[in-house]
């Protein structure tokens, strides 16, 4: 029978593993280095924590864990989605940020910022060329990479895990009974 294993890949984050499943609580920018040093080659779920920042690092910075999941752990090639657990407000906030970091600003946003036309065309052309696309060549929405699991009544379940949000940055995790 598997047990829950907990590791700390970086300050402000924890990995909880049970068999082949894993949860990554908190996603500071340096978490990838810690995952690699701890020989954690895959995770299936990100849990957004309450604290947004610790010692100058953003803790819900999911851009690089998403890249890791898609390209290093072969999530994109295997057609998998990354589970994302958090409050609806936190999930909305990280999706807005990811839209900028993955897709770049829209034409309307560039117009609002009074971007010169030649720079706007260049920016939008590069963004379109570099964006991840579906099998029909359409640019994928940020949300298409995730299974969104909002915390409801301070609880969420995914796979073998049941997570209870006990208070600010405090969680109880049960798996396999």
Protein backbone atom coordinates (compact mmCIF):
# COMPACT_ATOMS: atom_id res chain seq x y z
CA UNK A 1 0.00 0.00 0.00
CA UNK A 2 1.29 3.47 -0.89
CA UNK A 3 1.90 6.16 1.68
CA UNK A 4 1.76 9.92 1.38
CA UNK A 5 5.22 11.33 0.70
CA UNK A 6 5.80 15.04 1.24
CA UNK A 7 8.77 17.00 -0.09
CA UNK A 8 9.72 20.67 -0.27
CA UNK A 9 11.08 21.56 -3.72
CA UNK A 10 11.29 25.29 -2.86
CA UNK A 11 10.30 27.73 -0.14
CA UNK A 12 6.56 28.26 -0.36
CA UNK A 13 5.82 24.93 -2.04
CA UNK A 14 5.23 21.28 -1.18
CA UNK A 15 4.78 18.16 -3.26
CA UNK A 16 2.46 15.48 -1.91
CA UNK A 17 2.82 12.12 -3.68
CA UNK A 18 0.67 9.02 -3.41
CA UNK A 19 1.61 6.25 -5.81
CA UNK A 20 1.80 7.77 -9.30
CA UNK A 21 -0.30 10.81 -8.37
CA UNK A 22 1.05 14.06 -7.03
CA UNK A 23 -0.04 17.51 -5.90
CA UNK A 24 2.12 20.63 -6.13
CA UNK A 25 1.11 23.21 -3.51
CA UNK A 26 2.51 26.67 -4.27
CA UNK A 27 4.43 27.48 -7.43
CA UNK A 28 7.26 29.97 -6.86
CA UNK A 29 9.52 30.54 -9.91
CA UNK A 30 12.33 28.41 -8.46
CA UNK A 31 10.09 25.35 -7.93
CA UNK A 32 11.22 23.67 -11.16
CA UNK A 33 14.82 23.55 -10.03
CA UNK A 34 13.69 21.93 -6.78
CA UNK A 35 11.54 19.40 -8.61
CA UNK A 36 14.46 18.36 -10.77
CA UNK A 37 16.87 18.19 -7.81
CA UNK A 38 14.37 16.01 -5.93
CA UNK A 39 13.99 13.80 -9.04
CA UNK A 40 10.29 14.56 -9.33
CA UNK A 41 9.66 14.19 -13.03
CA UNK A 42 5.89 14.59 -13.07
CA UNK A 43 2.96 16.05 -11.20
CA UNK A 44 -0.69 15.92 -12.08
CA UNK A 45 -2.23 18.69 -9.99
CA UNK A 46 -1.40 22.27 -9.00
CA UNK A 47 -2.97 23.65 -5.85
CA UNK A 48 -3.08 27.44 -5.63
CA UNK A 49 -2.20 28.63 -2.14
CA UNK A 50 -3.62 31.61 -0.27
CA UNK A 51 -0.38 33.60 0.04
CA UNK A 52 0.43 35.27 -3.25
CA UNK A 53 4.01 36.20 -2.37
CA UNK A 54 6.79 35.08 -0.04
CA UNK A 55 10.18 36.78 0.23
CA UNK A 56 9.65 38.55 -3.09
CA UNK A 57 8.57 35.43 -5.03
CA UNK A 58 5.10 34.94 -6.46
CA UNK A 59 3.67 31.69 -5.11
CA UNK A 60 0.96 31.12 -7.74
CA UNK A 61 3.30 31.48 -10.70
CA UNK A 62 2.07 28.54 -12.77
CA UNK A 63 3.59 29.42 -16.15
CA UNK A 64 6.75 27.34 -15.71
CA UNK A 65 5.05 24.37 -14.00
CA UNK A 66 2.64 24.36 -16.98
CA UNK A 67 5.56 24.28 -19.44
CA UNK A 68 7.16 21.49 -17.38
CA UNK A 69 3.92 19.49 -17.47
CA UNK A 70 3.32 20.05 -21.19
CA UNK A 71 6.83 19.55 -22.55
CA UNK A 72 9.01 17.72 -19.99
CA UNK A 73 6.32 15.40 -18.64
CA UNK A 74 4.81 14.98 -22.14
CA UNK A 75 1.36 16.23 -21.13
CA UNK A 76 0.88 17.96 -24.49
CA UNK A 77 2.02 14.98 -26.59
CA UNK A 78 -0.18 12.62 -24.57
CA UNK A 79 -3.21 14.95 -24.70
CA UNK A 80 -3.34 15.30 -20.91
CA UNK A 81 -4.61 18.24 -18.92
CA UNK A 82 -3.12 19.59 -15.74
CA UNK A 83 -5.50 19.65 -12.76
CA UNK A 84 -5.82 23.08 -11.16
CA UNK A 85 -7.32 23.47 -7.69
CA UNK A 86 -8.04 26.79 -6.03
CA UNK A 87 -10.71 29.32 -5.25
CA UNK A 88 -12.62 30.58 -8.29
CA UNK A 89 -11.03 34.03 -7.80
CA UNK A 90 -7.48 32.64 -7.70
CA UNK A 91 -8.10 30.46 -10.75
CA UNK A 92 -9.46 33.46 -12.68
CA UNK A 93 -6.44 35.54 -11.67
CA UNK A 94 -3.87 32.98 -12.84
CA UNK A 95 -5.74 32.48 -16.13
CA UNK A 96 -5.64 36.25 -16.79
CA UNK A 97 -1.90 36.27 -16.11
CA UNK A 98 -1.29 33.17 -18.24
CA UNK A 99 -3.18 34.70 -21.15
CA UNK A 100 -0.64 37.52 -21.19
CA UNK A 101 2.42 35.33 -20.69
CA UNK A 102 1.40 32.57 -23.12
CA UNK A 103 -0.58 34.42 -25.78
CA UNK A 104 0.45 38.05 -25.40
CA UNK A 105 -1.83 41.07 -25.56
CA UNK A 106 -4.75 41.24 -27.96
CA UNK A 107 -5.03 43.71 -30.80
CA UNK A 108 -7.57 45.70 -28.79
CA UNK A 109 -5.19 45.91 -25.84
CA UNK A 110 -2.36 47.07 -28.09
CA UNK A 111 -4.70 49.73 -29.49
CA UNK A 112 -5.59 50.88 -25.96
CA UNK A 113 -1.87 51.19 -25.22
CA UNK A 114 -1.47 53.28 -28.39
CA UNK A 115 1.02 50.84 -29.88
CA UNK A 116 2.25 51.97 -33.32
CA UNK A 117 0.69 49.90 -36.14
CA UNK A 118 3.97 48.40 -37.34
CA UNK A 119 4.81 47.17 -33.81
CA UNK A 120 1.27 45.90 -33.33
CA UNK A 121 1.47 43.84 -36.55
CA UNK A 122 4.89 42.50 -35.55
CA UNK A 123 3.75 41.60 -32.02
CA UNK A 124 0.52 39.92 -33.14
CA UNK A 125 2.30 38.04 -35.92
CA UNK A 126 4.95 36.68 -33.55
CA UNK A 127 2.32 35.79 -30.93
CA UNK A 128 0.24 33.94 -33.52
CA UNK A 129 3.25 32.07 -34.89
CA UNK A 130 4.51 30.96 -31.46
CA UNK A 131 1.13 30.10 -29.89
CA UNK A 132 0.26 26.46 -29.25
CA UNK A 133 -2.44 25.37 -31.67
CA UNK A 134 -5.00 22.58 -31.78
CA UNK A 135 -5.24 19.93 -34.51
CA UNK A 136 -7.17 22.41 -36.71
CA UNK A 137 -4.51 25.11 -36.43
CA UNK A 138 -6.54 27.28 -34.05
CA UNK A 139 -4.77 28.96 -31.16
CA UNK A 140 -5.56 27.10 -27.95
CA UNK A 141 -7.16 28.98 -25.07
CA UNK A 142 -5.21 28.91 -21.83
CA UNK A 143 -8.08 27.07 -20.14
CA UNK A 144 -7.74 24.17 -22.61
CA UNK A 145 -4.60 22.95 -20.82
CA UNK A 146 -6.37 22.48 -17.48
CA UNK A 147 -9.03 20.53 -15.62
CA UNK A 148 -10.34 23.22 -13.30
CA UNK A 149 -11.37 21.96 -9.85
CA UNK A 150 -12.60 24.84 -7.69
CA UNK A 151 -12.57 24.49 -3.94
CA UNK A 152 -16.21 24.07 -2.91
CA UNK A 153 -17.00 24.47 0.78
CA UNK A 154 -13.20 24.44 1.30
CA UNK A 155 -12.86 20.96 -0.23
CA UNK A 156 -11.79 19.39 -3.52
CA UNK A 157 -11.14 15.88 -4.78
CA UNK A 158 -8.95 14.71 -7.62
CA UNK A 159 -7.86 11.16 -8.32
CA UNK A 160 -7.10 9.43 -5.02
CA UNK A 161 -6.73 12.75 -3.19
CA UNK A 162 -9.22 14.58 -1.02
CA UNK A 163 -8.06 18.06 -0.01
CA UNK A 164 -9.56 20.16 2.74
CA UNK A 165 -8.61 23.82 3.02
CA UNK A 166 -8.30 24.32 6.79
CA UNK A 167 -7.24 27.98 6.85
CA UNK A 168 -4.73 30.37 5.31
CA UNK A 169 -2.11 28.17 3.60
CA UNK A 170 -3.25 25.15 5.64
CA UNK A 171 -4.52 21.98 4.00
CA UNK A 172 -5.35 18.43 5.01
CA UNK A 173 -4.67 15.82 2.34
CA UNK A 174 -6.11 12.30 2.44
CA UNK A 175 -5.41 9.66 -0.18
CA UNK A 176 -6.44 6.05 -0.48
CA UNK A 177 -8.30 6.16 2.85
